[in-house]
Amino acid sequence: MLLELDGLAVRRIERQADGSRLARLETADDMARACPSCGVFATRVKVVVRT
């Protein structure tokens, strides 16, 4: 694991203008895309979280 963050996968890493790196992460568990009520899987991203 690159960042040792359980449940996350690195999608890509981008070099920024100042030389730093920006890691784009995604949930590694496919079940996270499923609606907890009906179980239907999402087909697109609905929220992007920045931390």
PDB file of N, CA and C in Angstrom:
ATOM      1  N   MET A   1       0.838  -1.181   0.000  1.00  0.00           N
ATOM      2  CA  MET A   1       0.000   0.000   0.000  1.00  0.00           C
ATOM      3  C   MET A   1       0.883   1.244   0.000  1.00  0.00           C
ATOM      4  N   LEU A   2       0.639   2.113  -0.924  1.00  0.00           N
ATOM      5  CA  LEU A   2       1.472   3.300  -1.073  1.00  0.00           C
ATOM      6  C   LEU A   2       1.356   4.243   0.119  1.00  0.00           C
ATOM      7  N   LEU A   3       0.142   4.567   0.512  1.00  0.00           N
ATOM      8  CA  LEU A   3      -0.066   5.525   1.598  1.00  0.00           C
ATOM      9  C   LEU A   3      -0.520   4.873   2.893  1.00  0.00           C
ATOM     10  N   GLU A   4      -0.626   3.545   2.900  1.00  0.00           N
ATOM     11  CA  GLU A   4      -1.082   2.790   4.065  1.00  0.00           C
ATOM     12  C   GLU A   4      -2.438   3.269   4.562  1.00  0.00           C
ATOM     13  N   LEU A   5      -3.343   3.570   3.644  1.00  0.00           N
ATOM     14  CA  LEU A   5      -4.708   3.960   3.972  1.00  0.00           C
ATOM     15  C   LEU A   5      -5.624   2.822   3.555  1.00  0.00           C
ATOM     16  N   ASP A   6      -6.030   2.010   4.525  1.00  0.00           N
ATOM     17  CA  ASP A   6      -6.863   0.851   4.255  1.00  0.00           C
ATOM     18  C   ASP A   6      -8.181   1.269   3.610  1.00  0.00           C
ATOM     19  N   GLY A   7      -8.566   0.602   2.542  1.00  0.00           N
ATOM     20  CA  GLY A   7      -9.830   0.883   1.877  1.00  0.00           C
ATOM     21  C   GLY A   7      -9.738   1.899   0.752  1.00  0.00           C
ATOM     22  N   LEU A   8      -8.545   2.470   0.540  1.00  0.00           N
ATOM     23  CA  LEU A   8      -8.361   3.446  -0.538  1.00  0.00           C
ATOM     24  C   LEU A   8      -7.329   2.938  -1.534  1.00  0.00           C
ATOM     25  N   ALA A   9      -7.505   3.324  -2.779  1.00  0.00           N
ATOM     26  CA  ALA A   9      -6.554   2.975  -3.832  1.00  0.00           C
ATOM     27  C   ALA A   9      -6.104   4.260  -4.518  1.00  0.00           C
ATOM     28  N   VAL A  10      -4.836   4.310  -4.898  1.00  0.00           N
ATOM     29  CA  VAL A  10      -4.308   5.472  -5.611  1.00  0.00           C
ATOM     30  C   VAL A  10      -4.764   5.392  -7.061  1.00  0.00           C
ATOM     31  N   ARG A  11      -5.482   6.404  -7.508  1.00  0.00           N
ATOM     32  CA  ARG A  11      -5.946   6.456  -8.904  1.00  0.00           C
ATOM     33  C   ARG A  11      -4.840   6.997  -9.799  1.00  0.00           C
ATOM     34  N   ARG A  12      -4.215   8.091  -9.362  1.00  0.00           N
ATOM     35  CA  ARG A  12      -3.062   8.645 -10.077  1.00  0.00           C
ATOM     36  C   ARG A  12      -2.371   9.663  -9.176  1.00  0.00           C
ATOM     37  N   ILE A  13      -1.133   9.978  -9.530  1.00  0.00           N
ATOM     38  CA  ILE A  13      -0.361  10.986  -8.810  1.00  0.00           C
ATOM     39  C   ILE A  13       0.078  12.026  -9.826  1.00  0.00           C
ATOM     40  N   GLU A  14      -0.169  13.287  -9.491  1.00  0.00           N
ATOM     41  CA  GLU A  14       0.152  14.384 -10.406  1.00  0.00           C
ATOM     42  C   GLU A  14       1.210  15.285  -9.781  1.00  0.00           C
ATOM     43  N   ARG A  15       2.179  15.699 -10.588  1.00  0.00           N
ATOM     44  CA  ARG A  15       3.197  16.656 -10.142  1.00  0.00           C
ATOM     45  C   ARG A  15       2.607  18.052 -10.285  1.00  0.00           C
ATOM     46  N   GLN A  16       2.685  18.842  -9.227  1.00  0.00           N
ATOM     47  CA  GLN A  16       2.151  20.198  -9.228  1.00  0.00           C
ATOM     48  C   GLN A  16       3.230  21.191  -9.668  1.00  0.00           C
ATOM     49  N   ALA A  17       2.825  22.409  -9.986  1.00  0.00           N
ATOM     50  CA  ALA A  17       3.750  23.442 -10.462  1.00  0.00           C
ATOM     51  C   ALA A  17       4.848  23.746  -9.448  1.00  0.00           C
ATOM     52  N   ASP A  18       4.528  23.629  -8.162  1.00  0.00           N
ATOM     53  CA  ASP A  18       5.520  23.922  -7.119  1.00  0.00           C
ATOM     54  C   ASP A  18       6.416  22.731  -6.797  1.00  0.00           C
ATOM     55  N   GLY A  19       6.269  21.623  -7.543  1.00  0.00           N
ATOM     56  CA  GLY A  19       7.095  20.441  -7.332  1.00  0.00           C
ATOM     57  C   GLY A  19       6.482  19.409  -6.399  1.00  0.00           C
ATOM     58  N   SER A  20       5.413  19.765  -5.721  1.00  0.00           N
ATOM     59  CA  SER A  20       4.754  18.805  -4.827  1.00  0.00           C
ATOM     60  C   SER A  20       3.941  17.812  -5.655  1.00  0.00           C
ATOM     61  N   ARG A  21       3.453  16.776  -5.000  1.00  0.00           N
ATOM     62  CA  ARG A  21       2.648  15.765  -5.683  1.00  0.00           C
ATOM     63  C   ARG A  21       1.236  15.757  -5.119  1.00  0.00           C
ATOM     64  N   LEU A  22       0.268  15.567  -5.989  1.00  0.00           N
ATOM     65  CA  LEU A  22      -1.132  15.461  -5.605  1.00  0.00           C
ATOM     66  C   LEU A  22      -1.575  14.037  -5.896  1.00  0.00           C
ATOM     67  N   ALA A  23      -1.992  13.314  -4.858  1.00  0.00           N
ATOM     68  CA  ALA A  23      -2.457  11.938  -5.023  1.00  0.00           C
ATOM     69  C   ALA A  23      -3.969  11.934  -5.170  1.00  0.00           C
ATOM     70  N   ARG A  24      -4.462  11.354  -6.233  1.00  0.00           N
ATOM     71  CA  ARG A  24      -5.898  11.187  -6.467  1.00  0.00           C
ATOM     72  C   ARG A  24      -6.258   9.777  -6.000  1.00  0.00           C
ATOM     73  N   LEU A  25      -7.138   9.691  -5.018  1.00  0.00           N
ATOM     74  CA  LEU A  25      -7.500   8.410  -4.422  1.00  0.00           C
ATOM     75  C   LEU A  25      -8.941   8.058  -4.734  1.00  0.00           C
ATOM     76  N   GLU A  26      -9.260   6.782  -4.623  1.00  0.00           N
ATOM     77  CA  GLU A  26     -10.639   6.330  -4.768  1.00  0.00           C
ATOM     78  C   GLU A  26     -10.884   5.193  -3.788  1.00  0.00           C
ATOM     79  N   THR A  27     -12.144   4.953  -3.492  1.00  0.00           N
ATOM     80  CA  THR A  27     -12.508   3.865  -2.599  1.00  0.00           C
ATOM     81  C   THR A  27     -12.179   2.544  -3.275  1.00  0.00           C
ATOM     82  N   ALA A  28     -11.476   1.675  -2.567  1.00  0.00           N
ATOM     83  CA  ALA A  28     -11.052   0.406  -3.142  1.00  0.00           C
ATOM     84  C   ALA A  28     -12.170  -0.637  -3.148  1.00  0.00           C
ATOM     85  N   ASP A  29     -13.165  -0.479  -2.303  1.00  0.00           N
ATOM     86  CA  ASP A  29     -14.255  -1.449  -2.185  1.00  0.00           C
ATOM     87  C   ASP A  29     -15.379  -1.100  -3.155  1.00  0.00           C
ATOM     88  N   ASP A  30     -15.635  -1.961  -4.130  1.00  0.00           N
ATOM     89  CA  ASP A  30     -16.699  -1.707  -5.108  1.00  0.00           C
ATOM     90  C   ASP A  30     -18.076  -1.599  -4.460  1.00  0.00           C
ATOM     91  N   MET A  31     -18.279  -2.225  -3.316  1.00  0.00           N
ATOM     92  CA  MET A  31     -19.578  -2.156  -2.636  1.00  0.00           C
ATOM     93  C   MET A  31     -19.884  -0.745  -2.145  1.00  0.00           C
ATOM     94  N   ALA A  32     -18.885   0.119  -2.054  1.00  0.00           N
ATOM     95  CA  ALA A  32     -19.107   1.502  -1.623  1.00  0.00           C
ATOM     96  C   ALA A  32     -19.945   2.268  -2.648  1.00  0.00           C
ATOM     97  N   ARG A  33     -20.005   1.778  -3.889  1.00  0.00           N
ATOM     98  CA  ARG A  33     -20.811   2.424  -4.926  1.00  0.00           C
ATOM     99  C   ARG A  33     -22.282   2.035  -4.855  1.00  0.00           C
ATOM    100  N   ALA A  34     -22.602   1.043  -4.031  1.00  0.00           N
ATOM    101  CA  ALA A  34     -23.981   0.550  -3.969  1.00  0.00           C
ATOM    102  C   ALA A  34     -24.812   1.367  -2.984  1.00  0.00           C
ATOM    103  N   CYS A  35     -26.059   1.633  -3.353  1.00  0.00           N
ATOM    104  CA  CYS A  35     -26.995   2.332  -2.477  1.00  0.00           C
ATOM    105  C   CYS A  35     -27.271   1.447  -1.263  1.00  0.00           C
ATOM    106  N   PRO A  36     -27.145   1.987  -0.053  1.00  0.00           N
ATOM    107  CA  PRO A  36     -27.388   1.165   1.133  1.00  0.00           C
ATOM    108  C   PRO A  36     -28.846   0.719   1.266  1.00  0.00           C
ATOM    109  N   SER A  37     -29.762   1.431   0.637  1.00  0.00           N
ATOM    110  CA  SER A  37     -31.187   1.077   0.737  1.00  0.00           C
ATOM    111  C   SER A  37     -31.600   0.000  -0.261  1.00  0.00           C
ATOM    112  N   CYS A  38     -31.252   0.212  -1.545  1.00  0.00           N
ATOM    113  CA  CYS A  38     -31.753  -0.704  -2.583  1.00  0.00           C
ATOM    114  C   CYS A  38     -30.670  -1.587  -3.200  1.00  0.00           C
ATOM    115  N   GLY A  39     -29.383  -1.243  -2.983  1.00  0.00           N
ATOM    116  CA  GLY A  39     -28.295  -2.056  -3.511  1.00  0.00           C
ATOM    117  C   GLY A  39     -27.910  -1.778  -4.955  1.00  0.00           C
ATOM    118  N   VAL A  40     -28.564  -0.805  -5.603  1.00  0.00           N
ATOM    119  CA  VAL A  40     -28.233  -0.461  -6.990  1.00  0.00           C
ATOM    120  C   VAL A  40     -26.885   0.262  -7.015  1.00  0.00           C
ATOM    121  N   PHE A  41     -26.036  -0.114  -7.976  1.00  0.00           N
ATOM    122  CA  PHE A  41     -24.714   0.490  -8.089  1.00  0.00           C
ATOM    123  C   PHE A  41     -24.772   1.811  -8.845  1.00  0.00           C
ATOM    124  N   ALA A  42     -24.002   2.799  -8.376  1.00  0.00           N
ATOM    125  CA  ALA A  42     -23.899   4.095  -9.044  1.00  0.00           C
ATOM    126  C   ALA A  42     -23.118   3.923 -10.344  1.00  0.00           C
ATOM    127  N   THR A  43     -23.468   4.719 -11.340  1.00  0.00           N
ATOM    128  CA  THR A  43     -22.774   4.654 -12.623  1.00  0.00           C
ATOM    129  C   THR A  43     -21.873   5.860 -12.854  1.00  0.00           C
ATOM    130  N   ARG A  44     -21.930   6.842 -11.952  1.00  0.00           N
ATOM    131  CA  ARG A  44     -21.076   8.026 -12.094  1.00  0.00           C
ATOM    132  C   ARG A  44     -20.717   8.564 -10.712  1.00  0.00           C
ATOM    133  N   VAL A  45     -19.694   9.391 -10.658  1.00  0.00           N
ATOM    134  CA  VAL A  45     -19.274  10.032  -9.413  1.00  0.00           C
ATOM    135  C   VAL A  45     -20.263  11.132  -9.080  1.00  0.00           C
ATOM    136  N   LYS A  46     -20.713  11.175  -7.846  1.00  0.00           N
ATOM    137  CA  LYS A  46     -21.676  12.196  -7.429  1.00  0.00           C
ATOM    138  C   LYS A  46     -21.058  13.220  -6.488  1.00  0.00           C
ATOM    139  N   VAL A  47     -19.982  12.845  -5.809  1.00  0.00           N
ATOM    140  CA  VAL A  47     -19.337  13.735  -4.847  1.00  0.00           C
ATOM    141  C   VAL A  47     -17.827  13.553  -4.940  1.00  0.00           C
ATOM    142  N   VAL A  48     -17.110  14.644  -4.916  1.00  0.00           N
ATOM    143  CA  VAL A  48     -15.658  14.614  -4.817  1.00  0.00           C
ATOM    144  C   VAL A  48     -15.298  15.278  -3.502  1.00  0.00           C
ATOM    145  N   VAL A  49     -14.559  14.572  -2.656  1.00  0.00           N
ATOM    146  CA  VAL A  49     -14.189  15.087  -1.343  1.00  0.00           C
ATOM    147  C   VAL A  49     -12.742  15.543  -1.387  1.00  0.00           C
ATOM    148  N   ARG A  50     -12.498  16.748  -0.928  1.00  0.00           N
ATOM    149  CA  ARG A  50     -11.128  17.272  -0.848  1.00  0.00           C
ATOM    150  C   ARG A  50     -10.748  17.420   0.611  1.00  0.00           C
ATOM    151  N   THR A  51      -9.576  16.915   0.946  1.00  0.00           N
ATOM    152  CA  THR A  51      -9.086  17.063   2.323  1.00  0.00           C
ATOM    153  C   THR A  51      -7.707  17.644   2.321  1.00  0.00           C
TER     154      THR A  51
END
